[in-house]
Amino acid sequence: IHGAITTGVMVISYVIFTVVWLIDWIYLMKNKIRSDCPVCKSRFLIPHFKCPDCGEMHKKLVPGPYGIWTHRCSCGRKLPATFLNGRSNLESYCPNCCSPLVASDARPTVLQLIGGSNAGKSVYMAAFFHEFLEKLNSNPNLKVTISDQYRPYFDDLEDWFNGGDCPATTELNSQMYPVLVDSKLGVRRQFSIYDIAGEMFDGATADSVIQQQQFQYCDGLLFLLDPFSSGRLREERVSSGGDMSDFSSMPAEDVTS
């Protein structure tokens, strides 16, 4: 009798947490909510979550036999186990490299900026984000957030837009520039542009560093090509002995291929 009662309770519990898990999974899939790692560039559905009290990392904070709506941390803190009851309010981390994430409750839109060295990618980024953020902030129905860890990058962009010295990009692992947008009409959005050093597109350098996985899932590629980097315009400047310091040293056809 005891075994039958225990089995019945277990079956009911497993049915309930399976249903709750399916609801949570369907909600994430329906709204195309994912998390992108800014370091290793992997994309995943459920990241790791950090306990706000003791800092313990929870790798499977989902409905299961150890808790349907909440999981109890070893410190005694109850943590939400579903998106619908506040799991996304916890700090989230990449399950592959443990890097902190921008958000775990946003639908991402990812663009990769491509261009040769000295093609003007950083200048373009500075102008674009100045206009883009200005337009978003002018809409009273939108709330724009830039996380503290990325605020210095956007401060640099604004400084370059206002005339500050804009250095060449040297990072061989794409740098993420993420913006979070909350709207009353739908799920939170994360808009990100990845920028990378132009040397990554010369062929040899690209083979010697970490694979840029964001190319597998990005929503679009932004090609920034310097028309003076190849063809007749470059030949005319070379033949006339003109200054070549502001020209991209990589031919446009090499970058696009």
C-alpha atoms as a PDB file:
ATOM      1  CA  ILE A   1       0.000   0.000   0.000  1.00  0.00           C
ATOM      2  CA  HIS A   2       2.833   2.373   0.919  1.00  0.00           C
ATOM      3  CA  GLY A   3       4.594   1.639  -2.361  1.00  0.00           C
ATOM      4  CA  ALA A   4       1.428   2.217  -4.375  1.00  0.00           C
ATOM      5  CA  ILE A   5       0.813   5.579  -2.686  1.00  0.00           C
ATOM      6  CA  THR A   6       4.431   6.652  -3.219  1.00  0.00           C
ATOM      7  CA  THR A   7       4.302   5.609  -6.864  1.00  0.00           C
ATOM      8  CA  GLY A   8       1.054   7.493  -7.396  1.00  0.00           C
ATOM      9  CA  VAL A   9       2.444  10.676  -5.849  1.00  0.00           C
ATOM     10  CA  MET A  10       5.600  10.397  -7.981  1.00  0.00           C
ATOM     11  CA  VAL A  11       3.594   9.899 -11.174  1.00  0.00           C
ATOM     12  CA  ILE A  12       1.433  12.921 -10.422  1.00  0.00           C
ATOM     13  CA  SER A  13       4.520  15.040  -9.620  1.00  0.00           C
ATOM     14  CA  TYR A  14       6.269  13.971 -12.832  1.00  0.00           C
ATOM     15  CA  VAL A  15       3.175  14.748 -14.897  1.00  0.00           C
ATOM     16  CA  ILE A  16       2.846  18.211 -13.324  1.00  0.00           C
ATOM     17  CA  PHE A  17       6.502  19.232 -13.741  1.00  0.00           C
ATOM     18  CA  THR A  18       6.508  17.857 -17.316  1.00  0.00           C
ATOM     19  CA  VAL A  19       3.486  20.006 -18.183  1.00  0.00           C
ATOM     20  CA  VAL A  20       5.038  23.086 -16.536  1.00  0.00           C
ATOM     21  CA  TRP A  21       8.357  22.423 -18.304  1.00  0.00           C
ATOM     22  CA  LEU A  22       6.550  22.151 -21.653  1.00  0.00           C
ATOM     23  CA  ILE A  23       4.684  25.417 -21.052  1.00  0.00           C
ATOM     24  CA  ASP A  24       7.967  27.149 -20.210  1.00  0.00           C
ATOM     25  CA  TRP A  25       9.720  25.663 -23.274  1.00  0.00           C
ATOM     26  CA  ILE A  26       6.836  26.497 -25.629  1.00  0.00           C
ATOM     27  CA  TYR A  27       6.753  30.105 -24.398  1.00  0.00           C
ATOM     28  CA  LEU A  28      10.490  30.531 -25.039  1.00  0.00           C
ATOM     29  CA  MET A  29      10.305  28.887 -28.459  1.00  0.00           C
ATOM     30  CA  LYS A  30       7.163  30.753 -29.542  1.00  0.00           C
ATOM     31  CA  ASN A  31       8.704  34.130 -28.662  1.00  0.00           C
ATOM     32  CA  LYS A  32      12.126  33.137 -30.072  1.00  0.00           C
ATOM     33  CA  ILE A  33      13.859  33.917 -26.796  1.00  0.00           C
ATOM     34  CA  ARG A  34      17.515  32.879 -26.782  1.00  0.00           C
ATOM     35  CA  SER A  35      20.763  33.867 -25.075  1.00  0.00           C
ATOM     36  CA  ASP A  36      23.975  34.764 -26.916  1.00  0.00           C
ATOM     37  CA  CYS A  37      27.389  34.551 -25.269  1.00  0.00           C
ATOM     38  CA  PRO A  38      29.497  37.665 -26.007  1.00  0.00           C
ATOM     39  CA  VAL A  39      32.763  35.731 -25.545  1.00  0.00           C
ATOM     40  CA  CYS A  40      32.510  32.224 -27.042  1.00  0.00           C
ATOM     41  CA  LYS A  41      29.590  33.264 -29.300  1.00  0.00           C
ATOM     42  CA  SER A  42      27.498  30.173 -28.515  1.00  0.00           C
ATOM     43  CA  ARG A  43      23.684  30.407 -28.487  1.00  0.00           C
ATOM     44  CA  PHE A  44      21.459  28.458 -26.107  1.00  0.00           C
ATOM     45  CA  LEU A  45      17.960  28.352 -24.655  1.00  0.00           C
ATOM     46  CA  ILE A  46      18.570  27.981 -20.897  1.00  0.00           C
ATOM     47  CA  PRO A  47      21.731  29.518 -19.422  1.00  0.00           C
ATOM     48  CA  HIS A  48      23.196  28.961 -15.973  1.00  0.00           C
ATOM     49  CA  PHE A  49      21.798  31.122 -13.180  1.00  0.00           C
ATOM     50  CA  LYS A  50      23.540  32.521 -10.109  1.00  0.00           C
ATOM     51  CA  CYS A  51      22.030  32.531  -6.636  1.00  0.00           C
ATOM     52  CA  PRO A  52      21.831  36.174  -5.468  1.00  0.00           C
ATOM     53  CA  ASP A  53      22.595  35.198  -1.860  1.00  0.00           C
ATOM     54  CA  CYS A  54      25.532  32.774  -1.963  1.00  0.00           C
ATOM     55  CA  GLY A  55      26.667  32.966  -5.600  1.00  0.00           C
ATOM     56  CA  GLU A  56      26.187  29.262  -6.294  1.00  0.00           C
ATOM     57  CA  MET A  57      25.703  28.502  -9.992  1.00  0.00           C
ATOM     58  CA  HIS A  58      22.569  26.519 -10.911  1.00  0.00           C
ATOM     59  CA  LYS A  59      22.983  24.611 -14.169  1.00  0.00           C
ATOM     60  CA  LYS A  60      19.456  23.187 -14.562  1.00  0.00           C
ATOM     61  CA  LEU A  61      17.061  25.745 -13.161  1.00  0.00           C
ATOM     62  CA  VAL A  62      14.001  24.236 -14.855  1.00  0.00           C
ATOM     63  CA  PRO A  63      10.908  22.376 -13.584  1.00  0.00           C
ATOM     64  CA  GLY A  64      11.943  18.904 -12.436  1.00  0.00           C
ATOM     65  CA  PRO A  65      11.793  16.342  -9.628  1.00  0.00           C
ATOM     66  CA  TYR A  66      13.645  18.744  -7.295  1.00  0.00           C
ATOM     67  CA  GLY A  67      11.094  21.510  -7.723  1.00  0.00           C
ATOM     68  CA  ILE A  68       8.317  22.469 -10.095  1.00  0.00           C
ATOM     69  CA  TRP A  69       8.054  26.240  -9.590  1.00  0.00           C
ATOM     70  CA  THR A  70      11.139  26.828  -7.442  1.00  0.00           C
ATOM     71  CA  HIS A  71      14.439  25.154  -6.568  1.00  0.00           C
ATOM     72  CA  ARG A  72      15.992  25.512  -3.153  1.00  0.00           C
ATOM     73  CA  CYS A  73      19.639  26.581  -3.213  1.00  0.00           C
ATOM     74  CA  SER A  74      22.109  25.010  -0.776  1.00  0.00           C
ATOM     75  CA  CYS A  75      22.003  28.298   1.163  1.00  0.00           C
ATOM     76  CA  GLY A  76      18.239  27.954   1.628  1.00  0.00           C
ATOM     77  CA  ARG A  77      17.165  30.582  -0.927  1.00  0.00           C
ATOM     78  CA  LYS A  78      14.237  29.596  -3.132  1.00  0.00           C
ATOM     79  CA  LEU A  79      14.956  30.338  -6.794  1.00  0.00           C
ATOM     80  CA  PRO A  80      12.280  30.582  -9.531  1.00  0.00           C
ATOM     81  CA  ALA A  81      12.517  27.651 -11.940  1.00  0.00           C
ATOM     82  CA  THR A  82      10.503  29.019 -14.876  1.00  0.00           C
ATOM     83  CA  PHE A  83      10.546  32.064 -17.088  1.00  0.00           C
ATOM     84  CA  LEU A  84       6.966  32.856 -16.120  1.00  0.00           C
ATOM     85  CA  ASN A  85       7.654  33.259 -12.392  1.00  0.00           C
ATOM     86  CA  GLY A  86      10.788  35.400 -12.602  1.00  0.00           C
ATOM     87  CA  ARG A  87      13.764  33.179 -13.436  1.00  0.00           C
ATOM     88  CA  SER A  88      15.079  35.810 -15.880  1.00  0.00           C
ATOM     89  CA  ASN A  89      15.547  38.285 -13.004  1.00  0.00           C
ATOM     90  CA  LEU A  90      18.541  36.240 -11.839  1.00  0.00           C
ATOM     91  CA  GLU A  91      22.046  36.874 -13.177  1.00  0.00           C
ATOM     92  CA  SER A  92      22.669  34.535 -16.100  1.00  0.00           C
ATOM     93  CA  TYR A  93      25.902  33.023 -17.410  1.00  0.00           C
ATOM     94  CA  CYS A  94      27.065  31.101 -20.458  1.00  0.00           C
ATOM     95  CA  PRO A  95      26.996  27.318 -19.825  1.00  0.00           C
ATOM     96  CA  ASN A  96      30.100  26.857 -22.004  1.00  0.00           C
ATOM     97  CA  CYS A  97      32.556  29.525 -20.816  1.00  0.00           C
ATOM     98  CA  CYS A  98      30.763  30.985 -17.748  1.00  0.00           C
ATOM     99  CA  SER A  99      30.809  34.531 -19.148  1.00  0.00           C
ATOM    100  CA  PRO A 100      28.057  36.901 -17.899  1.00  0.00           C
ATOM    101  CA  LEU A 101      25.177  37.398 -20.335  1.00  0.00           C
ATOM    102  CA  VAL A 102      23.293  40.540 -21.291  1.00  0.00           C
ATOM    103  CA  ALA A 103      19.848  38.990 -20.698  1.00  0.00           C
ATOM    104  CA  SER A 104      18.050  35.652 -20.575  1.00  0.00           C
ATOM    105  CA  ASP A 105      14.577  36.938 -21.447  1.00  0.00           C
ATOM    106  CA  ALA A 106      15.094  38.681 -24.787  1.00  0.00           C
ATOM    107  CA  ARG A 107      14.533  37.877 -28.444  1.00  0.00           C
ATOM    108  CA  PRO A 108      17.886  38.567 -30.124  1.00  0.00           C
ATOM    109  CA  THR A 109      18.544  40.285 -33.429  1.00  0.00           C
ATOM    110  CA  VAL A 110      22.206  39.940 -34.396  1.00  0.00           C
ATOM    111  CA  LEU A 111      24.166  41.670 -37.146  1.00  0.00           C
ATOM    112  CA  GLN A 112      27.834  41.137 -37.973  1.00  0.00           C
ATOM    113  CA  LEU A 113      29.832  44.077 -39.300  1.00  0.00           C
ATOM    114  CA  ILE A 114      32.340  43.068 -41.978  1.00  0.00           C
ATOM    115  CA  GLY A 115      35.070  45.201 -43.496  1.00  0.00           C
ATOM    116  CA  GLY A 116      38.786  45.345 -44.141  1.00  0.00           C
ATOM    117  CA  SER A 117      41.287  47.157 -41.941  1.00  0.00           C
ATOM    118  CA  ASN A 118      40.872  50.970 -42.024  1.00  0.00           C
ATOM    119  CA  ALA A 119      37.576  50.645 -43.909  1.00  0.00           C
ATOM    120  CA  GLY A 120      35.768  52.843 -41.370  1.00  0.00           C
ATOM    121  CA  LYS A 121      33.827  50.248 -39.349  1.00  0.00           C
ATOM    122  CA  SER A 122      34.298  52.000 -36.005  1.00  0.00           C
ATOM    123  CA  VAL A 123      33.300  55.362 -37.473  1.00  0.00           C
ATOM    124  CA  TYR A 124      30.178  53.775 -38.946  1.00  0.00           C
ATOM    125  CA  MET A 125      29.319  52.160 -35.588  1.00  0.00           C
ATOM    126  CA  ALA A 126      29.681  55.486 -33.789  1.00  0.00           C
ATOM    127  CA  ALA A 127      27.363  57.282 -36.224  1.00  0.00           C
ATOM    128  CA  PHE A 128      24.838  54.451 -36.380  1.00  0.00           C
ATOM    129  CA  PHE A 129      24.388  53.964 -32.639  1.00  0.00           C
ATOM    130  CA  HIS A 130      24.192  57.715 -32.041  1.00  0.00           C
ATOM    131  CA  GLU A 131      21.251  57.985 -34.452  1.00  0.00           C
ATOM    132  CA  PHE A 132      19.716  54.640 -33.467  1.00  0.00           C
ATOM    133  CA  LEU A 133      19.691  55.293 -29.707  1.00  0.00           C
ATOM    134  CA  GLU A 134      18.469  58.840 -30.230  1.00  0.00           C
ATOM    135  CA  LYS A 135      15.520  57.530 -32.231  1.00  0.00           C
ATOM    136  CA  LEU A 136      14.695  54.784 -29.716  1.00  0.00           C
ATOM    137  CA  ASN A 137      14.867  57.136 -26.734  1.00  0.00           C
ATOM    138  CA  SER A 138      12.484  59.571 -28.445  1.00  0.00           C
ATOM    139  CA  ASN A 139       9.737  56.928 -28.420  1.00  0.00           C
ATOM    140  CA  PRO A 140       7.826  57.084 -25.097  1.00  0.00           C
ATOM    141  CA  ASN A 141       6.573  53.522 -25.565  1.00  0.00           C
ATOM    142  CA  LEU A 142      10.080  52.084 -25.492  1.00  0.00           C
ATOM    143  CA  LYS A 143      12.563  51.640 -22.668  1.00  0.00           C
ATOM    144  CA  VAL A 144      16.192  51.354 -23.781  1.00  0.00           C
ATOM    145  CA  THR A 145      18.772  49.706 -21.521  1.00  0.00           C
ATOM    146  CA  ILE A 146      22.513  49.260 -21.914  1.00  0.00           C
ATOM    147  CA  SER A 147      24.014  46.981 -19.263  1.00  0.00           C
ATOM    148  CA  ASP A 148      26.811  48.349 -17.095  1.00  0.00           C
ATOM    149  CA  GLN A 149      29.431  45.989 -18.527  1.00  0.00           C
ATOM    150  CA  TYR A 150      28.876  47.418 -22.025  1.00  0.00           C
ATOM    151  CA  ARG A 151      28.340  51.066 -21.112  1.00  0.00           C
ATOM    152  CA  PRO A 152      32.076  51.941 -21.591  1.00  0.00           C
ATOM    153  CA  TYR A 153      31.945  50.681 -25.199  1.00  0.00           C
ATOM    154  CA  PHE A 154      28.966  52.899 -26.012  1.00  0.00           C
ATOM    155  CA  ASP A 155      30.615  55.845 -24.235  1.00  0.00           C
ATOM    156  CA  ASP A 156      33.603  55.394 -26.545  1.00  0.00           C
ATOM    157  CA  LEU A 157      31.315  55.353 -29.587  1.00  0.00           C
ATOM    158  CA  GLU A 158      29.681  58.609 -28.499  1.00  0.00           C
ATOM    159  CA  ASP A 159      33.086  60.176 -27.899  1.00  0.00           C
ATOM    160  CA  TRP A 160      34.212  59.198 -31.405  1.00  0.00           C
ATOM    161  CA  PHE A 161      30.994  60.578 -32.863  1.00  0.00           C
ATOM    162  CA  ASN A 162      31.696  63.916 -31.172  1.00  0.00           C
ATOM    163  CA  GLY A 163      35.134  64.141 -32.745  1.00  0.00           C
ATOM    164  CA  GLY A 164      37.337  62.093 -30.443  1.00  0.00           C
ATOM    165  CA  ASP A 165      40.262  60.126 -31.816  1.00  0.00           C
ATOM    166  CA  CYS A 166      38.900  56.825 -33.182  1.00  0.00           C
ATOM    167  CA  PRO A 167      41.499  54.030 -32.941  1.00  0.00           C
ATOM    168  CA  ALA A 168      41.618  51.026 -35.231  1.00  0.00           C
ATOM    169  CA  THR A 169      39.850  47.880 -33.996  1.00  0.00           C
ATOM    170  CA  THR A 170      42.401  45.302 -32.832  1.00  0.00           C
ATOM    171  CA  GLU A 171      40.099  42.709 -31.219  1.00  0.00           C
ATOM    172  CA  LEU A 172      40.269  39.418 -33.134  1.00  0.00           C
ATOM    173  CA  ASN A 173      37.247  38.027 -31.289  1.00  0.00           C
ATOM    174  CA  SER A 174      34.129  39.951 -32.266  1.00  0.00           C
ATOM    175  CA  GLN A 175      33.088  42.599 -29.748  1.00  0.00           C
ATOM    176  CA  MET A 176      29.367  42.671 -29.001  1.00  0.00           C
ATOM    177  CA  TYR A 177      27.474  45.979 -28.816  1.00  0.00           C
ATOM    178  CA  PRO A 178      24.081  44.997 -27.300  1.00  0.00           C
ATOM    179  CA  VAL A 179      21.025  47.185 -26.703  1.00  0.00           C
ATOM    180  CA  LEU A 180      17.976  45.957 -24.769  1.00  0.00           C
ATOM    181  CA  VAL A 181      14.589  47.359 -25.780  1.00  0.00           C
ATOM    182  CA  ASP A 182      11.453  46.864 -23.673  1.00  0.00           C
ATOM    183  CA  SER A 183       8.058  47.528 -25.174  1.00  0.00           C
ATOM    184  CA  LYS A 184       4.515  47.357 -23.819  1.00  0.00           C
ATOM    185  CA  LEU A 185       3.467  45.517 -26.978  1.00  0.00           C
ATOM    186  CA  GLY A 186       5.695  42.446 -26.845  1.00  0.00           C
ATOM    187  CA  VAL A 187       8.669  40.564 -25.456  1.00  0.00           C
ATOM    188  CA  ARG A 188      11.963  42.260 -24.698  1.00  0.00           C
ATOM    189  CA  ARG A 189      14.323  42.582 -27.681  1.00  0.00           C
ATOM    190  CA  GLN A 190      18.099  42.475 -27.729  1.00  0.00           C
ATOM    191  CA  PHE A 191      19.670  44.202 -30.725  1.00  0.00           C
ATOM    192  CA  SER A 192      23.378  43.464 -31.133  1.00  0.00           C
ATOM    193  CA  ILE A 193      26.076  44.341 -33.635  1.00  0.00           C
ATOM    194  CA  TYR A 194      29.362  42.454 -33.611  1.00  0.00           C
ATOM    195  CA  ASP A 195      32.498  44.334 -34.627  1.00  0.00           C
ATOM    196  CA  ILE A 196      35.825  42.683 -35.351  1.00  0.00           C
ATOM    197  CA  ALA A 197      39.272  43.701 -36.578  1.00  0.00           C
ATOM    198  CA  GLY A 198      39.579  43.895 -40.355  1.00  0.00           C
ATOM    199  CA  GLU A 199      42.593  41.583 -40.228  1.00  0.00           C
ATOM    200  CA  MET A 200      40.166  38.730 -39.582  1.00  0.00           C
ATOM    201  CA  PHE A 201      39.154  38.880 -43.245  1.00  0.00           C
ATOM    202  CA  ASP A 202      42.591  38.483 -44.786  1.00  0.00           C
ATOM    203  CA  GLY A 203      42.359  34.682 -44.753  1.00  0.00           C
ATOM    204  CA  ALA A 204      45.448  33.734 -42.752  1.00  0.00           C
ATOM    205  CA  THR A 205      44.486  35.476 -39.517  1.00  0.00           C
ATOM    206  CA  ALA A 206      40.965  34.031 -39.483  1.00  0.00           C
ATOM    207  CA  ASP A 207      42.309  30.475 -39.350  1.00  0.00           C
ATOM    208  CA  SER A 208      44.451  31.145 -36.275  1.00  0.00           C
ATOM    209  CA  VAL A 209      41.822  32.309 -33.765  1.00  0.00           C
ATOM    210  CA  ILE A 210      38.564  31.156 -32.197  1.00  0.00           C
ATOM    211  CA  GLN A 211      35.759  30.267 -34.570  1.00  0.00           C
ATOM    212  CA  GLN A 212      33.209  33.061 -34.828  1.00  0.00           C
ATOM    213  CA  GLN A 213      30.048  31.073 -34.184  1.00  0.00           C
ATOM    214  CA  GLN A 214      27.777  34.113 -34.520  1.00  0.00           C
ATOM    215  CA  PHE A 215      28.064  33.779 -38.303  1.00  0.00           C
ATOM    216  CA  GLN A 216      25.954  30.611 -37.988  1.00  0.00           C
ATOM    217  CA  TYR A 217      22.948  32.360 -36.445  1.00  0.00           C
ATOM    218  CA  CYS A 218      23.262  36.088 -37.177  1.00  0.00           C
ATOM    219  CA  ASP A 219      20.290  37.733 -38.879  1.00  0.00           C
ATOM    220  CA  GLY A 220      22.333  39.718 -41.365  1.00  0.00           C
ATOM    221  CA  LEU A 221      25.789  40.816 -42.509  1.00  0.00           C
ATOM    222  CA  LEU A 222      26.766  44.471 -42.851  1.00  0.00           C
ATOM    223  CA  PHE A 223      29.504  44.868 -45.460  1.00  0.00           C
ATOM    224  CA  LEU A 224      31.452  48.108 -45.155  1.00  0.00           C
ATOM    225  CA  LEU A 225      33.690  48.451 -48.201  1.00  0.00           C
ATOM    226  CA  ASP A 226      36.196  51.189 -48.945  1.00  0.00           C
ATOM    227  CA  PRO A 227      35.842  51.985 -52.683  1.00  0.00           C
ATOM    228  CA  PHE A 228      39.416  53.289 -52.695  1.00  0.00           C
ATOM    229  CA  SER A 229      40.815  49.948 -51.504  1.00  0.00           C
ATOM    230  CA  SER A 230      40.939  48.522 -55.042  1.00  0.00           C
ATOM    231  CA  GLY A 231      40.276  49.287 -58.683  1.00  0.00           C
ATOM    232  CA  ARG A 232      40.846  52.440 -60.712  1.00  0.00           C
ATOM    233  CA  LEU A 233      40.399  54.879 -57.808  1.00  0.00           C
ATOM    234  CA  ARG A 234      43.276  53.312 -55.902  1.00  0.00           C
ATOM    235  CA  GLU A 235      45.462  53.106 -58.990  1.00  0.00           C
ATOM    236  CA  GLU A 236      44.907  56.798 -59.694  1.00  0.00           C
ATOM    237  CA  ARG A 237      45.831  57.744 -56.136  1.00  0.00           C
ATOM    238  CA  VAL A 238      48.954  55.547 -56.229  1.00  0.00           C
ATOM    239  CA  SER A 239      50.087  56.877 -59.628  1.00  0.00           C
ATOM    240  CA  SER A 240      49.620  60.480 -58.481  1.00  0.00           C
ATOM    241  CA  GLY A 241      51.665  59.905 -55.328  1.00  0.00           C
ATOM    242  CA  GLY A 242      48.747  60.802 -53.060  1.00  0.00           C
ATOM    243  CA  ASP A 243      48.356  59.980 -49.368  1.00  0.00           C
ATOM    244  CA  MET A 244      47.244  56.366 -48.892  1.00  0.00           C
ATOM    245  CA  SER A 245      47.072  56.378 -45.076  1.00  0.00           C
ATOM    246  CA  ASP A 246      43.281  56.738 -44.985  1.00  0.00           C
ATOM    247  CA  PHE A 247      42.660  53.918 -47.491  1.00  0.00           C
ATOM    248  CA  SER A 248      41.837  50.368 -46.485  1.00  0.00           C
ATOM    249  CA  SER A 249      44.820  48.142 -47.136  1.00  0.00           C
ATOM    250  CA  MET A 250      42.585  45.177 -48.034  1.00  0.00           C
ATOM    251  CA  PRO A 251      40.971  44.996 -51.500  1.00  0.00           C
ATOM    252  CA  ALA A 252      37.180  44.971 -51.344  1.00  0.00           C
ATOM    253  CA  GLU A 253      36.997  41.778 -53.398  1.00  0.00           C
ATOM    254  CA  ASP A 254      39.134  39.953 -50.805  1.00  0.00           C
ATOM    255  CA  VAL A 255      36.843  41.047 -47.968  1.00  0.00           C
ATOM    256  CA  THR A 256      33.644  39.937 -49.710  1.00  0.00           C
ATOM    257  CA  SER A 257      35.080  36.563 -50.677  1.00  0.00           C
END
